[in-house]
Amino acid sequence: MSHLTFFAHDFDGQQIRTTADKRFSIYDVLVAMGIADKASNAKNVLKRLQDKHPEVTTIGSNFKFAGRGQRETPVADEQGIYQILMLCPGGRAAEFRQWAAGIIADPNKAFDHAVGKYIRQGKSQEWIQQRLEGIATRHHLTEVLKAHGVVGIGYAQCSDAINVGLLGKTAKQLQAERGVKRTVDGFSRVEIAAKGLADALAADKVESEQRWGNRQCSEACGDAAQKVRRVFED
């Protein structure tokens, strides 16, 4: 049985494998949604999505479920699943997008959905506001990187260039150290503000200096993060 908010039922009888920390098998969701006709085809569907939308490669991670013959399977938390479904073809995916449009159109629903989990975690209103502003800034940086030739793993490289530049550690190191699945969820208000500024400066640097490709853009991100770090350390 799935625990995804959008699906109050169990995907018309389809079983969705779920980890103990509430991450969901991407393959199972694609099959349950009718986007892939069977598990063996879900891998190809996900690969096509990643080729068309490189940012999908940064969503989720691999996990080996218990059981004989199980292989590593890509999994994502609820927010990650939603991001993938927004990009998928098919009637059920269109149904999901209509639901998402209703969430956006209704401020109360949007607050409940996007912010509710942070309230349950005990985050302050100030922290939540800072986080939401940071999401918008990050989205702009992603669009700039895409326009400047960043592909595949390049998005993760740019993200880690900012993490290392600001805090001296990669996303995986920060997640393990702070016990979070999403790096920024473990940030303080000051760290979120610093990251938002670094993202904005990185986008400006990539555009103004006409950086191109994974290496040049990740270097620009690292330079921007180090500049912000010096300001916050003064």
Protein backbone atom coordinates (compact mmCIF):
# COMPACT_ATOMS: atom_id res chain seq x y z
CA MET A 1 0.00 0.00 0.00
CA SER A 2 1.36 3.41 -0.94
CA HIS A 3 1.40 6.32 1.49
CA LEU A 4 1.65 9.01 -1.22
CA THR A 5 -0.67 11.90 -0.44
CA PHE A 6 -2.05 12.15 -3.98
CA PHE A 7 -3.12 8.52 -4.06
CA ALA A 8 -5.60 7.66 -1.31
CA HIS A 9 -5.89 4.15 -2.77
CA ASP A 10 -3.22 1.58 -3.58
CA PHE A 11 -2.75 2.40 -7.27
CA ASP A 12 -5.64 0.21 -8.40
CA GLY A 13 -4.23 -2.82 -6.60
CA GLN A 14 -0.61 -2.32 -7.60
CA GLN A 15 1.88 -2.83 -4.81
CA ILE A 16 4.38 0.00 -4.32
CA ARG A 17 7.58 -1.05 -2.57
CA THR A 18 8.42 1.40 0.20
CA THR A 19 11.53 1.80 2.34
CA ALA A 20 11.39 2.24 6.10
CA ASP A 21 12.08 5.98 5.69
CA LYS A 22 9.19 6.41 3.22
CA ARG A 23 10.94 6.34 -0.13
CA PHE A 24 9.10 4.69 -3.00
CA SER A 25 10.22 2.49 -5.89
CA ILE A 26 10.16 4.71 -8.98
CA TYR A 27 9.68 1.65 -11.20
CA ASP A 28 6.64 0.50 -9.20
CA VAL A 29 5.05 3.96 -9.41
CA LEU A 30 5.59 4.13 -13.18
CA VAL A 31 3.93 0.74 -13.63
CA ALA A 32 1.06 1.57 -11.26
CA MET A 33 0.43 4.82 -13.12
CA GLY A 34 0.26 2.99 -16.45
CA ILE A 35 3.27 4.96 -17.72
CA ALA A 36 5.24 1.72 -18.05
CA ASP A 37 3.43 -1.50 -18.91
CA LYS A 38 5.69 -3.71 -16.79
CA ALA A 39 8.65 -3.49 -14.44
CA SER A 40 11.19 -4.45 -17.11
CA ASN A 41 10.00 -1.54 -19.26
CA ALA A 42 10.01 0.98 -16.41
CA LYS A 43 13.80 1.18 -16.58
CA ASN A 44 13.62 2.31 -20.21
CA VAL A 45 10.87 4.81 -19.42
CA LEU A 46 12.94 6.35 -16.64
CA LYS A 47 16.01 6.47 -18.89
CA ARG A 48 14.04 8.36 -21.57
CA LEU A 49 12.83 10.82 -18.95
CA GLN A 50 16.41 11.37 -17.76
CA ASP A 51 17.62 11.92 -21.32
CA LYS A 52 14.89 14.48 -21.98
CA HIS A 53 14.98 16.10 -18.53
CA PRO A 54 18.54 15.84 -17.11
CA GLU A 55 17.43 17.12 -13.71
CA VAL A 56 15.66 13.77 -13.15
CA THR A 57 19.09 12.15 -12.71
CA THR A 58 19.50 14.02 -9.42
CA ILE A 59 16.18 12.81 -7.99
CA GLY A 60 16.33 9.81 -5.70
CA SER A 61 18.96 7.12 -5.19
CA ASN A 62 19.37 3.35 -5.52
CA PHE A 63 18.10 0.94 -2.87
CA LYS A 64 18.13 -2.87 -2.66
CA PHE A 65 14.87 -4.21 -1.24
CA ALA A 66 14.91 -7.37 0.84
CA GLY A 67 14.17 -10.61 -0.93
CA ARG A 68 15.78 -13.21 -3.12
CA GLY A 69 17.00 -11.95 -6.48
CA GLN A 70 16.36 -8.30 -5.72
CA ARG A 71 18.53 -5.78 -7.52
CA GLU A 72 19.21 -2.16 -6.76
CA THR A 73 16.13 -0.10 -7.62
CA PRO A 74 15.83 3.69 -7.95
CA VAL A 75 13.74 5.14 -5.12
CA ALA A 76 12.58 8.66 -4.28
CA ASP A 77 10.66 10.35 -1.49
CA GLU A 78 7.19 11.77 -2.03
CA GLN A 79 8.43 15.10 -3.34
CA GLY A 80 10.79 13.37 -5.76
CA ILE A 81 8.01 11.13 -7.06
CA TYR A 82 5.87 14.21 -7.66
CA GLN A 83 8.68 15.86 -9.60
CA ILE A 84 8.99 12.82 -11.86
CA LEU A 85 5.23 12.50 -12.41
CA MET A 86 5.04 16.14 -13.49
CA LEU A 87 7.30 15.24 -16.43
CA CYS A 88 5.67 11.94 -17.44
CA PRO A 89 3.34 11.32 -20.40
CA GLY A 90 0.02 9.50 -20.17
CA GLY A 91 -3.49 9.99 -18.87
CA ARG A 92 -2.78 9.31 -15.19
CA ALA A 93 0.17 11.71 -15.28
CA ALA A 94 -2.16 14.32 -16.80
CA GLU A 95 -4.57 13.63 -13.94
CA PHE A 96 -1.75 14.25 -11.49
CA ARG A 97 -0.86 17.55 -13.19
CA GLN A 98 -4.48 18.67 -12.90
CA TRP A 99 -4.37 17.89 -9.19
CA ALA A 100 -1.09 19.81 -8.86
CA ALA A 101 -2.63 22.78 -10.69
CA GLY A 102 -5.43 22.77 -8.11
CA ILE A 103 -2.86 22.82 -5.33
CA ILE A 104 -1.14 25.82 -6.90
CA ALA A 105 -4.44 27.63 -7.46
CA ASP A 106 -5.54 27.21 -3.84
CA PRO A 107 -3.10 28.92 -1.45
CA ASN A 108 -4.44 26.97 1.53
CA LYS A 109 -3.86 23.63 -0.19
CA ALA A 110 -0.46 24.76 -1.43
CA PHE A 111 0.53 25.68 2.11
CA ASP A 112 -0.70 22.37 3.50
CA HIS A 113 1.10 20.33 0.85
CA ALA A 114 4.42 22.16 0.46
CA VAL A 115 4.82 23.33 4.04
CA GLY A 116 2.96 20.79 6.13
CA LYS A 117 5.86 18.40 6.44
CA TYR A 118 8.12 21.17 7.74
CA ILE A 119 5.55 22.17 10.35
CA ARG A 120 5.39 18.53 11.49
CA GLN A 121 9.18 18.57 11.76
CA GLY A 122 8.96 21.58 14.06
CA LYS A 123 10.45 24.11 11.64
CA SER A 124 9.73 27.78 12.36
CA GLN A 125 7.66 29.96 10.03
CA GLU A 126 10.79 32.01 9.33
CA TRP A 127 12.74 28.88 8.35
CA ILE A 128 9.90 27.73 6.07
CA GLN A 129 9.69 31.10 4.33
CA GLN A 130 13.44 31.10 3.77
CA ARG A 131 13.22 27.56 2.38
CA LEU A 132 10.47 28.42 -0.09
CA GLU A 133 12.38 31.42 -1.36
CA GLY A 134 15.44 29.22 -1.78
CA ILE A 135 13.48 26.73 -3.90
CA ALA A 136 12.56 29.47 -6.37
CA THR A 137 16.17 30.64 -6.59
CA ARG A 138 17.38 27.09 -7.09
CA HIS A 139 14.88 26.53 -9.89
CA HIS A 140 16.24 29.60 -11.70
CA LEU A 141 19.81 28.28 -11.37
CA THR A 142 18.75 24.91 -12.80
CA GLU A 143 17.20 26.61 -15.82
CA VAL A 144 20.36 28.67 -16.36
CA LEU A 145 22.57 25.58 -16.13
CA LYS A 146 20.36 23.75 -18.63
CA ALA A 147 20.61 26.66 -21.05
CA HIS A 148 24.40 26.60 -20.71
CA GLY A 149 24.95 22.99 -21.65
CA VAL A 150 24.92 21.22 -18.30
CA VAL A 151 23.82 17.60 -18.74
CA GLY A 152 23.43 14.45 -16.68
CA ILE A 153 25.68 14.27 -13.64
CA GLY A 154 26.65 17.90 -14.22
CA TYR A 155 23.68 19.08 -12.14
CA ALA A 156 24.89 17.10 -9.14
CA GLN A 157 28.43 18.38 -9.71
CA CYS A 158 27.20 21.98 -9.67
CA SER A 159 25.18 21.34 -6.50
CA ASP A 160 28.16 19.80 -4.74
CA ALA A 161 30.42 22.63 -5.88
CA ILE A 162 28.10 24.97 -3.96
CA ASN A 163 27.86 22.66 -0.93
CA VAL A 164 31.62 22.24 -0.73
CA GLY A 165 32.24 25.93 -1.37
CA LEU A 166 29.86 26.93 1.42
CA LEU A 167 30.25 24.19 4.01
CA GLY A 168 33.26 22.16 2.91
CA LYS A 169 31.28 18.94 2.39
CA THR A 170 29.34 17.19 -0.36
CA ALA A 171 25.59 16.59 -0.24
CA LYS A 172 26.02 12.94 0.81
CA GLN A 173 28.41 13.92 3.58
CA LEU A 174 26.03 16.58 4.88
CA GLN A 175 23.04 14.21 4.72
CA ALA A 176 24.90 11.54 6.70
CA GLU A 177 26.23 14.06 9.22
CA ARG A 178 22.87 15.73 9.84
CA GLY A 179 20.59 12.73 9.43
CA VAL A 180 18.45 14.13 6.59
CA LYS A 181 17.43 12.85 3.16
CA ARG A 182 17.42 16.29 1.53
CA THR A 183 20.52 18.32 2.22
CA VAL A 184 18.85 21.69 2.75
CA ASP A 185 16.39 20.22 5.25
CA GLY A 186 19.30 20.05 7.68
CA PHE A 187 20.40 23.66 7.12
CA SER A 188 19.98 26.49 9.58
CA ARG A 189 18.26 29.71 8.51
CA VAL A 190 21.66 31.35 7.97
CA GLU A 191 22.87 28.42 5.86
CA ILE A 192 19.70 28.51 3.75
CA ALA A 193 20.17 32.24 3.18
CA ALA A 194 23.81 31.68 2.23
CA LYS A 195 22.89 28.91 -0.19
CA GLY A 196 20.19 31.05 -1.82
CA LEU A 197 22.70 33.83 -2.35
CA ALA A 198 25.26 31.38 -3.73
CA ASP A 199 22.68 29.94 -6.15
CA ALA A 200 21.78 33.44 -7.35
CA LEU A 201 25.41 34.49 -7.75
CA ALA A 202 26.23 31.24 -9.57
CA ALA A 203 23.42 31.83 -12.06
CA ASP A 204 24.63 35.38 -12.70
CA LYS A 205 28.24 34.22 -13.07
CA VAL A 206 27.36 31.46 -15.55
CA GLU A 207 25.35 33.89 -17.66
CA SER A 208 27.64 36.94 -17.50
CA GLU A 209 30.81 34.95 -18.16
CA GLN A 210 29.13 32.67 -20.70
CA ARG A 211 30.28 29.49 -18.97
CA TRP A 212 29.43 26.31 -20.87
CA GLY A 213 29.20 22.65 -20.00
CA ASN A 214 29.53 20.64 -16.81
CA ARG A 215 33.10 21.59 -15.89
CA GLN A 216 32.91 25.34 -16.50
CA CYS A 217 29.52 25.70 -14.84
CA SER A 218 30.50 23.68 -11.77
CA GLU A 219 33.62 25.84 -11.42
CA ALA A 220 31.42 28.96 -11.57
CA CYS A 221 29.15 27.50 -8.87
CA GLY A 222 32.12 26.75 -6.65
CA ASP A 223 33.55 30.25 -7.11
CA ALA A 224 30.19 31.82 -6.22
CA ALA A 225 29.83 29.66 -3.10
CA GLN A 226 33.32 30.50 -1.88
CA LYS A 227 32.63 34.20 -2.35
CA VAL A 228 29.47 33.93 -0.23
CA ARG A 229 31.32 31.93 2.41
CA ARG A 230 33.91 34.68 2.80
CA VAL A 231 31.15 37.26 3.29
CA PHE A 232 29.37 35.18 5.94
CA GLU A 233 32.63 34.45 7.75
CA ASP A 234 33.55 38.15 8.06
